[in-house]
Amino acid sequence: FTLVQGLLEQLSEEQRTVFVLAEFEELTLREISDITGVNANTVSSRLRLARQRFETLVQHRRSRERVS
């Protein structure tokens, strides 16, 4: 169980799916839309929110590590 897995599990399933496909699989919004069957605009919105949430989780983790 890695740190990244733990952070990913804190995203909603919808956000996690598009985040992994975009960031790790390096797929385009169109490709993600085709795979998931979700409108490209919705994919874009979910990805934006997932990136924001992931960054917040990373920052929170870093601040907790500095306190320890």
N, C-alpha and C. Protein backbone atom coordinates (compact mmCIF):
# COMPACT_ATOMS: atom_id res chain seq x y z
N PHE A 1 0.86 -1.19 0.00
CA PHE A 1 0.00 0.00 0.00
C PHE A 1 0.89 1.24 0.00
N THR A 2 0.89 1.98 -1.08
CA THR A 2 1.78 3.12 -1.21
C THR A 2 1.07 4.42 -0.81
N LEU A 3 1.86 5.43 -0.64
CA LEU A 3 1.32 6.76 -0.34
C LEU A 3 0.36 7.22 -1.43
N VAL A 4 0.75 7.04 -2.68
CA VAL A 4 -0.08 7.49 -3.81
C VAL A 4 -1.41 6.73 -3.80
N GLN A 5 -1.36 5.42 -3.57
CA GLN A 5 -2.61 4.65 -3.50
C GLN A 5 -3.52 5.18 -2.41
N GLY A 6 -2.94 5.49 -1.28
CA GLY A 6 -3.73 6.03 -0.18
C GLY A 6 -4.38 7.36 -0.52
N LEU A 7 -3.64 8.21 -1.22
CA LEU A 7 -4.20 9.49 -1.64
C LEU A 7 -5.28 9.29 -2.69
N LEU A 8 -5.04 8.39 -3.63
CA LEU A 8 -6.03 8.13 -4.67
C LEU A 8 -7.35 7.60 -4.09
N GLU A 9 -7.24 6.80 -3.06
CA GLU A 9 -8.45 6.24 -2.45
C GLU A 9 -9.32 7.31 -1.80
N GLN A 10 -8.75 8.47 -1.56
CA GLN A 10 -9.51 9.55 -0.96
C GLN A 10 -10.28 10.38 -1.99
N LEU A 11 -10.06 10.09 -3.27
CA LEU A 11 -10.84 10.72 -4.34
C LEU A 11 -12.11 9.91 -4.56
N SER A 12 -13.14 10.56 -5.06
CA SER A 12 -14.34 9.80 -5.43
C SER A 12 -13.98 8.85 -6.56
N GLU A 13 -14.77 7.81 -6.74
CA GLU A 13 -14.48 6.84 -7.80
C GLU A 13 -14.41 7.51 -9.17
N GLU A 14 -15.35 8.42 -9.43
CA GLU A 14 -15.39 9.11 -10.73
C GLU A 14 -14.14 9.95 -10.94
N GLN A 15 -13.73 10.68 -9.90
CA GLN A 15 -12.54 11.51 -10.00
C GLN A 15 -11.29 10.65 -10.11
N ARG A 16 -11.21 9.59 -9.33
CA ARG A 16 -10.05 8.71 -9.37
C ARG A 16 -9.87 8.10 -10.76
N THR A 17 -10.96 7.67 -11.36
CA THR A 17 -10.89 7.05 -12.68
C THR A 17 -10.30 8.00 -13.70
N VAL A 18 -10.83 9.22 -13.80
CA VAL A 18 -10.31 10.15 -14.81
C VAL A 18 -8.90 10.61 -14.46
N PHE A 19 -8.60 10.76 -13.19
CA PHE A 19 -7.27 11.18 -12.76
C PHE A 19 -6.22 10.14 -13.17
N VAL A 20 -6.49 8.88 -12.89
CA VAL A 20 -5.55 7.81 -13.23
C VAL A 20 -5.38 7.71 -14.74
N LEU A 21 -6.48 7.77 -15.47
CA LEU A 21 -6.40 7.66 -16.93
C LEU A 21 -5.63 8.84 -17.54
N ALA A 22 -5.81 10.02 -16.99
CA ALA A 22 -5.13 11.21 -17.52
C ALA A 22 -3.68 11.29 -17.07
N GLU A 23 -3.44 11.13 -15.77
CA GLU A 23 -2.11 11.37 -15.22
C GLU A 23 -1.16 10.19 -15.36
N PHE A 24 -1.66 8.98 -15.23
CA PHE A 24 -0.79 7.80 -15.28
C PHE A 24 -0.81 7.12 -16.64
N GLU A 25 -1.98 7.04 -17.23
CA GLU A 25 -2.09 6.41 -18.56
C GLU A 25 -1.87 7.42 -19.69
N GLU A 26 -1.87 8.70 -19.34
CA GLU A 26 -1.63 9.80 -20.28
C GLU A 26 -2.61 9.81 -21.46
N LEU A 27 -3.87 9.53 -21.16
CA LEU A 27 -4.90 9.56 -22.19
C LEU A 27 -5.47 10.97 -22.32
N THR A 28 -6.00 11.28 -23.48
CA THR A 28 -6.63 12.57 -23.73
C THR A 28 -8.04 12.58 -23.14
N LEU A 29 -8.60 13.77 -23.04
CA LEU A 29 -9.99 13.87 -22.55
C LEU A 29 -10.93 13.08 -23.45
N ARG A 30 -10.70 13.16 -24.74
CA ARG A 30 -11.54 12.43 -25.71
C ARG A 30 -11.44 10.92 -25.48
N GLU A 31 -10.22 10.44 -25.30
CA GLU A 31 -10.03 9.00 -25.05
C GLU A 31 -10.69 8.57 -23.75
N ILE A 32 -10.56 9.39 -22.72
CA ILE A 32 -11.19 9.07 -21.43
C ILE A 32 -12.70 9.07 -21.59
N SER A 33 -13.21 10.03 -22.33
CA SER A 33 -14.65 10.10 -22.59
C SER A 33 -15.13 8.84 -23.30
N ASP A 34 -14.39 8.40 -24.30
CA ASP A 34 -14.76 7.19 -25.04
C ASP A 34 -14.73 5.95 -24.14
N ILE A 35 -13.72 5.85 -23.29
CA ILE A 35 -13.58 4.69 -22.41
C ILE A 35 -14.68 4.65 -21.35
N THR A 36 -14.95 5.81 -20.75
CA THR A 36 -15.90 5.86 -19.63
C THR A 36 -17.34 6.05 -20.06
N GLY A 37 -17.54 6.51 -21.30
CA GLY A 37 -18.90 6.79 -21.75
C GLY A 37 -19.46 8.06 -21.16
N VAL A 38 -18.58 8.92 -20.67
CA VAL A 38 -18.97 10.18 -20.04
C VAL A 38 -18.61 11.33 -20.98
N ASN A 39 -19.48 12.31 -21.08
CA ASN A 39 -19.26 13.49 -21.90
C ASN A 39 -17.89 14.11 -21.60
N ALA A 40 -17.19 14.57 -22.63
CA ALA A 40 -15.85 15.14 -22.47
C ALA A 40 -15.83 16.34 -21.53
N ASN A 41 -16.89 17.14 -21.53
CA ASN A 41 -16.95 18.28 -20.61
C ASN A 41 -17.02 17.81 -19.16
N THR A 42 -17.75 16.73 -18.93
CA THR A 42 -17.84 16.16 -17.59
C THR A 42 -16.51 15.57 -17.17
N VAL A 43 -15.85 14.90 -18.10
CA VAL A 43 -14.51 14.35 -17.83
C VAL A 43 -13.58 15.49 -17.45
N SER A 44 -13.61 16.57 -18.19
CA SER A 44 -12.76 17.72 -17.91
C SER A 44 -13.02 18.28 -16.50
N SER A 45 -14.27 18.41 -16.15
CA SER A 45 -14.64 18.92 -14.83
C SER A 45 -14.17 17.98 -13.73
N ARG A 46 -14.39 16.70 -13.92
CA ARG A 46 -13.96 15.72 -12.91
C ARG A 46 -12.45 15.72 -12.76
N LEU A 47 -11.74 15.86 -13.87
CA LEU A 47 -10.28 15.87 -13.81
C LEU A 47 -9.78 17.11 -13.09
N ARG A 48 -10.37 18.25 -13.38
CA ARG A 48 -9.98 19.49 -12.70
C ARG A 48 -10.18 19.36 -11.19
N LEU A 49 -11.35 18.85 -10.79
CA LEU A 49 -11.63 18.67 -9.37
C LEU A 49 -10.71 17.64 -8.73
N ALA A 50 -10.42 16.57 -9.45
CA ALA A 50 -9.53 15.53 -8.93
C ALA A 50 -8.12 16.07 -8.73
N ARG A 51 -7.64 16.85 -9.67
CA ARG A 51 -6.30 17.44 -9.54
C ARG A 51 -6.24 18.37 -8.34
N GLN A 52 -7.28 19.18 -8.17
CA GLN A 52 -7.33 20.09 -7.02
C GLN A 52 -7.35 19.32 -5.71
N ARG A 53 -8.19 18.30 -5.64
CA ARG A 53 -8.31 17.50 -4.42
C ARG A 53 -7.00 16.77 -4.13
N PHE A 54 -6.39 16.18 -5.16
CA PHE A 54 -5.14 15.46 -4.96
C PHE A 54 -4.06 16.40 -4.44
N GLU A 55 -3.97 17.58 -5.02
CA GLU A 55 -2.98 18.56 -4.57
C GLU A 55 -3.23 18.96 -3.12
N THR A 56 -4.48 19.15 -2.76
CA THR A 56 -4.82 19.48 -1.37
C THR A 56 -4.40 18.36 -0.43
N LEU A 57 -4.64 17.13 -0.83
CA LEU A 57 -4.26 15.97 -0.01
C LEU A 57 -2.74 15.89 0.15
N VAL A 58 -2.01 16.16 -0.93
CA VAL A 58 -0.55 16.14 -0.87
C VAL A 58 -0.05 17.23 0.07
N GLN A 59 -0.59 18.43 -0.06
CA GLN A 59 -0.17 19.53 0.81
C GLN A 59 -0.48 19.22 2.27
N HIS A 60 -1.65 18.65 2.52
CA HIS A 60 -2.03 18.29 3.89
C HIS A 60 -1.05 17.26 4.45
N ARG A 61 -0.71 16.29 3.65
CA ARG A 61 0.24 15.24 4.07
C ARG A 61 1.60 15.86 4.40
N ARG A 62 2.06 16.76 3.53
CA ARG A 62 3.37 17.40 3.76
C ARG A 62 3.36 18.22 5.05
N SER A 63 2.28 18.93 5.31
CA SER A 63 2.22 19.75 6.52
C SER A 63 2.18 18.86 7.76
N ARG A 64 1.53 17.71 7.69
CA ARG A 64 1.51 16.78 8.81
C ARG A 64 2.90 16.20 9.06
N GLU A 65 3.65 15.94 8.00
CA GLU A 65 5.00 15.39 8.14
C GLU A 65 5.95 16.41 8.77
N ARG A 66 5.76 17.69 8.46
CA ARG A 66 6.61 18.73 9.03
C ARG A 66 6.37 18.87 10.52
N VAL A 67 5.13 18.64 10.96
CA VAL A 67 4.78 18.77 12.37
C VAL A 67 5.34 17.61 13.18
N SER A 68 5.41 16.44 12.58
CA SER A 68 5.85 15.24 13.30
C SER A 68 7.30 15.29 13.68
